[in-house]
Structures are given as structure tokens and as C-alpha cells.
Amino acid sequence: MPSYFELYRKSTLGIALTDSLDDLIQAGHITPQLAIQVLEQFDKSIALALSTKVKTKAVIKGNLRIYRFCDDVWTFTIKDPTFKFEHETATADKIKIVACNAKRTGE
């Protein structure tokens, strides 16, 4: 059985889900075990959706400020990035990209 990373739990959607689950646990509507199952399903579903539904490609240009490789995870911090999509362009002050292998070592 493949394992899934918990990276997307730190996204806006993941934080909102975690906060809602915490509220439901505090109110006694669900158990902590059920909340864990929901988060595990979220990890699987978001990974599947991103790998099968998203087809748009982007080119990112900017100033690479920090890069790090630890435990099979790459982390990049880019200052003044410009994203070029098929029909539009977007910019930001700074972004952080976290990239992992699709399969963990030994799978």
C-alpha cells in the first residue's frame, strides 16, 4: 500500500479541514480516530486529484534564494517569482516550493 505525504495539510484547505475536525472533536460529534481517518483520506484524495486532474504546466522564473535536500525532500525558496501559464502570468514577492518523490525509498 502506498504511503502519502502530509504536505497538503499545511495548505489553506488542509488547515481549514484540520480546524473543522478539531471543532467537531471538541463538540463531541466525532472521535479523534475518525478525524485521523478523514485526514488520511484527504492526503490520498488531494494527491490523486493533483496527479490526474491538473494538466496545466507553468514556467517559473525568479531568484533562487535557498535550496535544501533532506530526507528525500527538496525545498526551494524563490524571491520575485513570475509564473507563466498558457494564457496568463502571475507574480509574487516570495514562494516556497516543497517537492517529494512520488514513491518513498523502499516501496
N, C-alpha and C. Protein backbone atom coordinates (compact mmCIF):
# COMPACT_ATOMS: atom_id res chain seq x y z
N MET A 1 0.84 -1.18 0.00
CA MET A 1 0.00 0.00 0.00
C MET A 1 0.89 1.24 0.00
N PRO A 2 0.65 2.17 -0.93
CA PRO A 2 1.50 3.36 -0.97
C PRO A 2 1.25 4.26 0.24
N SER A 3 2.29 4.99 0.61
CA SER A 3 2.12 5.96 1.69
C SER A 3 2.01 7.34 1.06
N TYR A 4 1.31 8.24 1.72
CA TYR A 4 1.08 9.57 1.18
C TYR A 4 1.70 10.59 2.11
N PHE A 5 2.21 11.65 1.53
CA PHE A 5 2.78 12.73 2.32
C PHE A 5 1.67 13.59 2.91
N GLU A 6 1.98 14.24 3.99
CA GLU A 6 1.01 15.09 4.66
C GLU A 6 1.22 16.56 4.31
N LEU A 7 1.90 16.82 3.20
CA LEU A 7 2.24 18.19 2.81
C LEU A 7 1.03 19.09 2.65
N TYR A 8 -0.05 18.55 2.08
CA TYR A 8 -1.19 19.39 1.75
C TYR A 8 -2.03 19.76 2.96
N ARG A 9 -1.73 19.18 4.11
CA ARG A 9 -2.42 19.56 5.35
C ARG A 9 -2.03 20.98 5.77
N LYS A 10 -0.90 21.48 5.26
CA LYS A 10 -0.46 22.84 5.58
C LYS A 10 -0.99 23.86 4.57
N SER A 11 -1.75 23.39 3.58
CA SER A 11 -2.37 24.31 2.62
C SER A 11 -3.58 24.97 3.28
N THR A 12 -4.12 25.99 2.66
CA THR A 12 -5.30 26.67 3.20
C THR A 12 -6.45 25.68 3.40
N LEU A 13 -6.66 24.82 2.42
CA LEU A 13 -7.72 23.82 2.52
C LEU A 13 -7.45 22.83 3.64
N GLY A 14 -6.21 22.37 3.75
CA GLY A 14 -5.85 21.41 4.80
C GLY A 14 -5.99 22.01 6.19
N ILE A 15 -5.60 23.26 6.36
CA ILE A 15 -5.72 23.93 7.66
C ILE A 15 -7.19 24.09 8.03
N ALA A 16 -8.02 24.48 7.05
CA ALA A 16 -9.45 24.63 7.31
C ALA A 16 -10.07 23.29 7.71
N LEU A 17 -9.68 22.22 7.03
CA LEU A 17 -10.18 20.89 7.38
C LEU A 17 -9.76 20.49 8.78
N THR A 18 -8.50 20.69 9.11
CA THR A 18 -7.98 20.35 10.44
C THR A 18 -8.70 21.15 11.53
N ASP A 19 -8.90 22.45 11.29
CA ASP A 19 -9.61 23.28 12.27
C ASP A 19 -11.04 22.80 12.46
N SER A 20 -11.71 22.45 11.37
CA SER A 20 -13.09 21.96 11.46
C SER A 20 -13.16 20.63 12.20
N LEU A 21 -12.21 19.75 11.92
CA LEU A 21 -12.18 18.46 12.63
C LEU A 21 -11.93 18.67 14.12
N ASP A 22 -11.03 19.60 14.46
CA ASP A 22 -10.78 19.91 15.87
C ASP A 22 -12.05 20.41 16.56
N ASP A 23 -12.79 21.29 15.88
CA ASP A 23 -14.05 21.78 16.43
C ASP A 23 -15.05 20.65 16.65
N LEU A 24 -15.13 19.72 15.69
CA LEU A 24 -16.06 18.59 15.83
C LEU A 24 -15.66 17.67 16.97
N ILE A 25 -14.35 17.47 17.16
CA ILE A 25 -13.88 16.66 18.28
C ILE A 25 -14.22 17.33 19.60
N GLN A 26 -13.95 18.65 19.69
CA GLN A 26 -14.22 19.40 20.92
C GLN A 26 -15.71 19.38 21.27
N ALA A 27 -16.57 19.39 20.25
CA ALA A 27 -18.02 19.38 20.48
C ALA A 27 -18.55 17.98 20.75
N GLY A 28 -17.67 16.98 20.61
CA GLY A 28 -18.07 15.60 20.88
C GLY A 28 -18.84 14.94 19.74
N HIS A 29 -18.77 15.52 18.53
CA HIS A 29 -19.50 14.97 17.39
C HIS A 29 -18.76 13.84 16.69
N ILE A 30 -17.42 13.87 16.76
CA ILE A 30 -16.62 12.79 16.17
C ILE A 30 -15.48 12.43 17.13
N THR A 31 -14.90 11.27 16.90
CA THR A 31 -13.77 10.82 17.72
C THR A 31 -12.46 11.25 17.07
N PRO A 32 -11.39 11.33 17.85
CA PRO A 32 -10.08 11.64 17.25
C PRO A 32 -9.67 10.62 16.19
N GLN A 33 -10.05 9.36 16.39
CA GLN A 33 -9.71 8.31 15.42
C GLN A 33 -10.38 8.58 14.08
N LEU A 34 -11.63 9.04 14.10
CA LEU A 34 -12.33 9.36 12.86
C LEU A 34 -11.67 10.56 12.19
N ALA A 35 -11.25 11.54 12.95
CA ALA A 35 -10.57 12.71 12.39
C ALA A 35 -9.29 12.29 11.68
N ILE A 36 -8.54 11.37 12.28
CA ILE A 36 -7.31 10.86 11.65
C ILE A 36 -7.63 10.17 10.34
N GLN A 37 -8.70 9.38 10.32
CA GLN A 37 -9.10 8.70 9.08
C GLN A 37 -9.48 9.72 8.00
N VAL A 38 -10.16 10.77 8.38
CA VAL A 38 -10.54 11.82 7.43
C VAL A 38 -9.29 12.48 6.86
N LEU A 39 -8.32 12.80 7.72
CA LEU A 39 -7.08 13.43 7.25
C LEU A 39 -6.29 12.50 6.33
N GLU A 40 -6.26 11.21 6.64
CA GLU A 40 -5.57 10.25 5.78
C GLU A 40 -6.25 10.17 4.41
N GLN A 41 -7.58 10.21 4.40
CA GLN A 41 -8.31 10.19 3.13
C GLN A 41 -8.06 11.49 2.35
N PHE A 42 -7.98 12.61 3.07
CA PHE A 42 -7.65 13.89 2.44
C PHE A 42 -6.29 13.80 1.75
N ASP A 43 -5.27 13.24 2.44
CA ASP A 43 -3.94 13.08 1.85
C ASP A 43 -4.01 12.30 0.55
N LYS A 44 -4.74 11.18 0.56
CA LYS A 44 -4.86 10.34 -0.64
C LYS A 44 -5.61 11.07 -1.75
N SER A 45 -6.72 11.70 -1.40
CA SER A 45 -7.57 12.33 -2.40
C SER A 45 -6.90 13.53 -3.06
N ILE A 46 -6.22 14.35 -2.28
CA ILE A 46 -5.58 15.53 -2.87
C ILE A 46 -4.41 15.11 -3.77
N ALA A 47 -3.66 14.10 -3.36
CA ALA A 47 -2.55 13.61 -4.19
C ALA A 47 -3.08 13.03 -5.50
N LEU A 48 -4.16 12.26 -5.43
CA LEU A 48 -4.76 11.68 -6.63
C LEU A 48 -5.31 12.76 -7.54
N ALA A 49 -6.02 13.72 -6.98
CA ALA A 49 -6.60 14.80 -7.79
C ALA A 49 -5.51 15.61 -8.49
N LEU A 50 -4.45 15.94 -7.78
CA LEU A 50 -3.38 16.73 -8.39
C LEU A 50 -2.65 15.95 -9.47
N SER A 51 -2.51 14.64 -9.28
CA SER A 51 -1.76 13.86 -10.27
C SER A 51 -2.60 13.49 -11.50
N THR A 52 -3.93 13.49 -11.36
CA THR A 52 -4.75 13.07 -12.50
C THR A 52 -5.58 14.18 -13.12
N LYS A 53 -5.91 15.21 -12.37
CA LYS A 53 -6.83 16.25 -12.86
C LYS A 53 -6.12 17.52 -13.35
N VAL A 54 -4.98 17.82 -12.78
CA VAL A 54 -4.29 19.07 -13.13
C VAL A 54 -3.37 18.80 -14.33
N LYS A 55 -3.65 19.49 -15.42
CA LYS A 55 -2.87 19.30 -16.65
C LYS A 55 -2.11 20.55 -17.06
N THR A 56 -2.33 21.66 -16.39
CA THR A 56 -1.68 22.92 -16.74
C THR A 56 -0.21 22.89 -16.35
N LYS A 57 0.62 23.39 -17.22
CA LYS A 57 2.05 23.50 -16.93
C LYS A 57 2.39 24.96 -16.76
N ALA A 58 3.38 25.22 -15.94
CA ALA A 58 3.81 26.59 -15.70
C ALA A 58 5.33 26.68 -15.79
N VAL A 59 5.80 27.85 -16.20
CA VAL A 59 7.23 28.14 -16.17
C VAL A 59 7.43 29.16 -15.05
N ILE A 60 8.38 28.88 -14.17
CA ILE A 60 8.64 29.77 -13.04
C ILE A 60 10.03 30.36 -13.22
N LYS A 61 10.11 31.69 -13.16
CA LYS A 61 11.40 32.37 -13.20
C LYS A 61 11.47 33.29 -12.00
N GLY A 62 12.65 33.34 -11.39
CA GLY A 62 12.85 34.20 -10.24
C GLY A 62 14.27 34.03 -9.72
N ASN A 63 14.52 34.55 -8.54
CA ASN A 63 15.84 34.46 -7.92
C ASN A 63 15.82 33.39 -6.84
N LEU A 64 16.57 32.31 -7.08
CA LEU A 64 16.65 31.22 -6.11
C LEU A 64 17.45 31.70 -4.90
N ARG A 65 16.82 31.75 -3.75
CA ARG A 65 17.47 32.24 -2.54
C ARG A 65 17.99 31.11 -1.66
N ILE A 66 17.19 30.06 -1.52
CA ILE A 66 17.57 28.93 -0.64
C ILE A 66 17.15 27.64 -1.33
N TYR A 67 18.02 26.64 -1.28
CA TYR A 67 17.62 25.30 -1.69
C TYR A 67 18.20 24.31 -0.69
N ARG A 68 17.44 23.27 -0.46
CA ARG A 68 17.81 22.30 0.58
C ARG A 68 17.28 20.93 0.16
N PHE A 69 18.06 19.87 0.43
CA PHE A 69 17.63 18.50 0.19
C PHE A 69 17.86 17.71 1.46
N CYS A 70 16.78 17.21 2.04
CA CYS A 70 16.88 16.46 3.29
C CYS A 70 15.78 15.40 3.32
N ASP A 71 16.13 14.19 3.65
CA ASP A 71 15.17 13.08 3.75
C ASP A 71 14.32 12.93 2.49
N ASP A 72 14.96 12.97 1.33
CA ASP A 72 14.29 12.83 0.03
C ASP A 72 13.27 13.93 -0.24
N VAL A 73 13.44 15.10 0.37
CA VAL A 73 12.54 16.23 0.14
C VAL A 73 13.37 17.45 -0.26
N TRP A 74 13.05 18.02 -1.43
CA TRP A 74 13.67 19.25 -1.88
C TRP A 74 12.82 20.43 -1.42
N THR A 75 13.48 21.48 -0.94
CA THR A 75 12.81 22.73 -0.58
C THR A 75 13.53 23.87 -1.29
N PHE A 76 12.76 24.68 -2.01
CA PHE A 76 13.30 25.83 -2.73
C PHE A 76 12.56 27.08 -2.27
N THR A 77 13.29 28.16 -2.02
CA THR A 77 12.69 29.46 -1.76
C THR A 77 13.10 30.38 -2.89
N ILE A 78 12.11 30.97 -3.57
CA ILE A 78 12.36 31.80 -4.74
C ILE A 78 11.82 33.20 -4.47
N LYS A 79 12.66 34.21 -4.69
CA LYS A 79 12.27 35.60 -4.50
C LYS A 79 11.83 36.18 -5.85
N ASP A 80 10.79 37.00 -5.82
CA ASP A 80 10.25 37.67 -7.01
C ASP A 80 9.95 36.70 -8.16
N PRO A 81 9.20 35.63 -7.88
CA PRO A 81 8.90 34.67 -8.95
C PRO A 81 7.85 35.21 -9.93
N THR A 82 7.97 34.78 -11.17
CA THR A 82 6.97 35.04 -12.20
C THR A 82 6.53 33.69 -12.74
N PHE A 83 5.22 33.45 -12.71
CA PHE A 83 4.65 32.21 -13.22
C PHE A 83 4.03 32.51 -14.58
N LYS A 84 4.43 31.77 -15.59
CA LYS A 84 3.85 31.92 -16.91
C LYS A 84 3.05 30.67 -17.22
N PHE A 85 1.73 30.86 -17.34
CA PHE A 85 0.82 29.78 -17.70
C PHE A 85 0.47 29.92 -19.18
N GLU A 86 -0.38 29.07 -19.66
CA GLU A 86 -0.74 29.09 -21.07
C GLU A 86 -1.29 30.44 -21.52
N HIS A 87 -2.20 31.04 -20.72
CA HIS A 87 -2.85 32.28 -21.13
C HIS A 87 -2.70 33.42 -20.14
N GLU A 88 -1.90 33.25 -19.11
CA GLU A 88 -1.77 34.33 -18.14
C GLU A 88 -0.44 34.26 -17.41
N THR A 89 -0.13 35.34 -16.70
CA THR A 89 1.10 35.45 -15.93
C THR A 89 0.74 35.90 -14.52
N ALA A 90 1.45 35.39 -13.53
CA ALA A 90 1.23 35.79 -12.14
C ALA A 90 2.58 36.03 -11.47
N THR A 91 2.60 36.92 -10.48
CA THR A 91 3.83 37.21 -9.75
C THR A 91 3.56 37.14 -8.26
N ALA A 92 4.65 37.10 -7.49
CA ALA A 92 4.57 37.10 -6.02
C ALA A 92 5.85 37.70 -5.48
N ASP A 93 5.86 38.00 -4.19
CA ASP A 93 7.09 38.51 -3.56
C ASP A 93 8.08 37.37 -3.31
N LYS A 94 7.53 36.24 -2.83
CA LYS A 94 8.39 35.11 -2.48
C LYS A 94 7.52 33.86 -2.47
N ILE A 95 8.09 32.72 -2.88
CA ILE A 95 7.39 31.45 -2.78
C ILE A 95 8.32 30.40 -2.20
N LYS A 96 7.70 29.37 -1.65
CA LYS A 96 8.43 28.22 -1.15
C LYS A 96 7.86 27.00 -1.85
N ILE A 97 8.72 26.22 -2.47
CA ILE A 97 8.32 25.00 -3.17
C ILE A 97 8.89 23.82 -2.41
N VAL A 98 8.04 22.85 -2.09
CA VAL A 98 8.46 21.62 -1.43
C VAL A 98 8.15 20.49 -2.40
N ALA A 99 9.15 19.70 -2.76
CA ALA A 99 8.98 18.63 -3.73
C ALA A 99 9.48 17.31 -3.17
N CYS A 100 8.67 16.25 -3.35
CA CYS A 100 9.00 14.92 -2.85
C CYS A 100 8.91 13.91 -3.98
N ASN A 101 9.60 12.80 -3.84
CA ASN A 101 9.46 11.70 -4.78
C ASN A 101 8.04 11.17 -4.69
N ALA A 102 7.48 10.70 -5.81
CA ALA A 102 6.15 10.13 -5.80
C ALA A 102 6.13 8.86 -4.95
N LYS A 103 7.23 8.13 -4.96
CA LYS A 103 7.34 6.93 -4.14
C LYS A 103 8.48 7.09 -3.18
N ARG A 104 8.26 6.66 -1.97
CA ARG A 104 9.34 6.71 -0.99
C ARG A 104 10.31 5.57 -1.23
N THR A 105 11.54 5.75 -0.80
CA THR A 105 12.57 4.73 -0.97
C THR A 105 12.11 3.42 -0.32
N GLY A 106 12.29 2.30 -1.04
CA GLY A 106 11.94 1.00 -0.50
C GLY A 106 10.53 0.56 -0.84
N GLU A 107 9.79 1.35 -1.59
CA GLU A 107 8.42 0.95 -1.96
C GLU A 107 8.41 0.31 -3.31
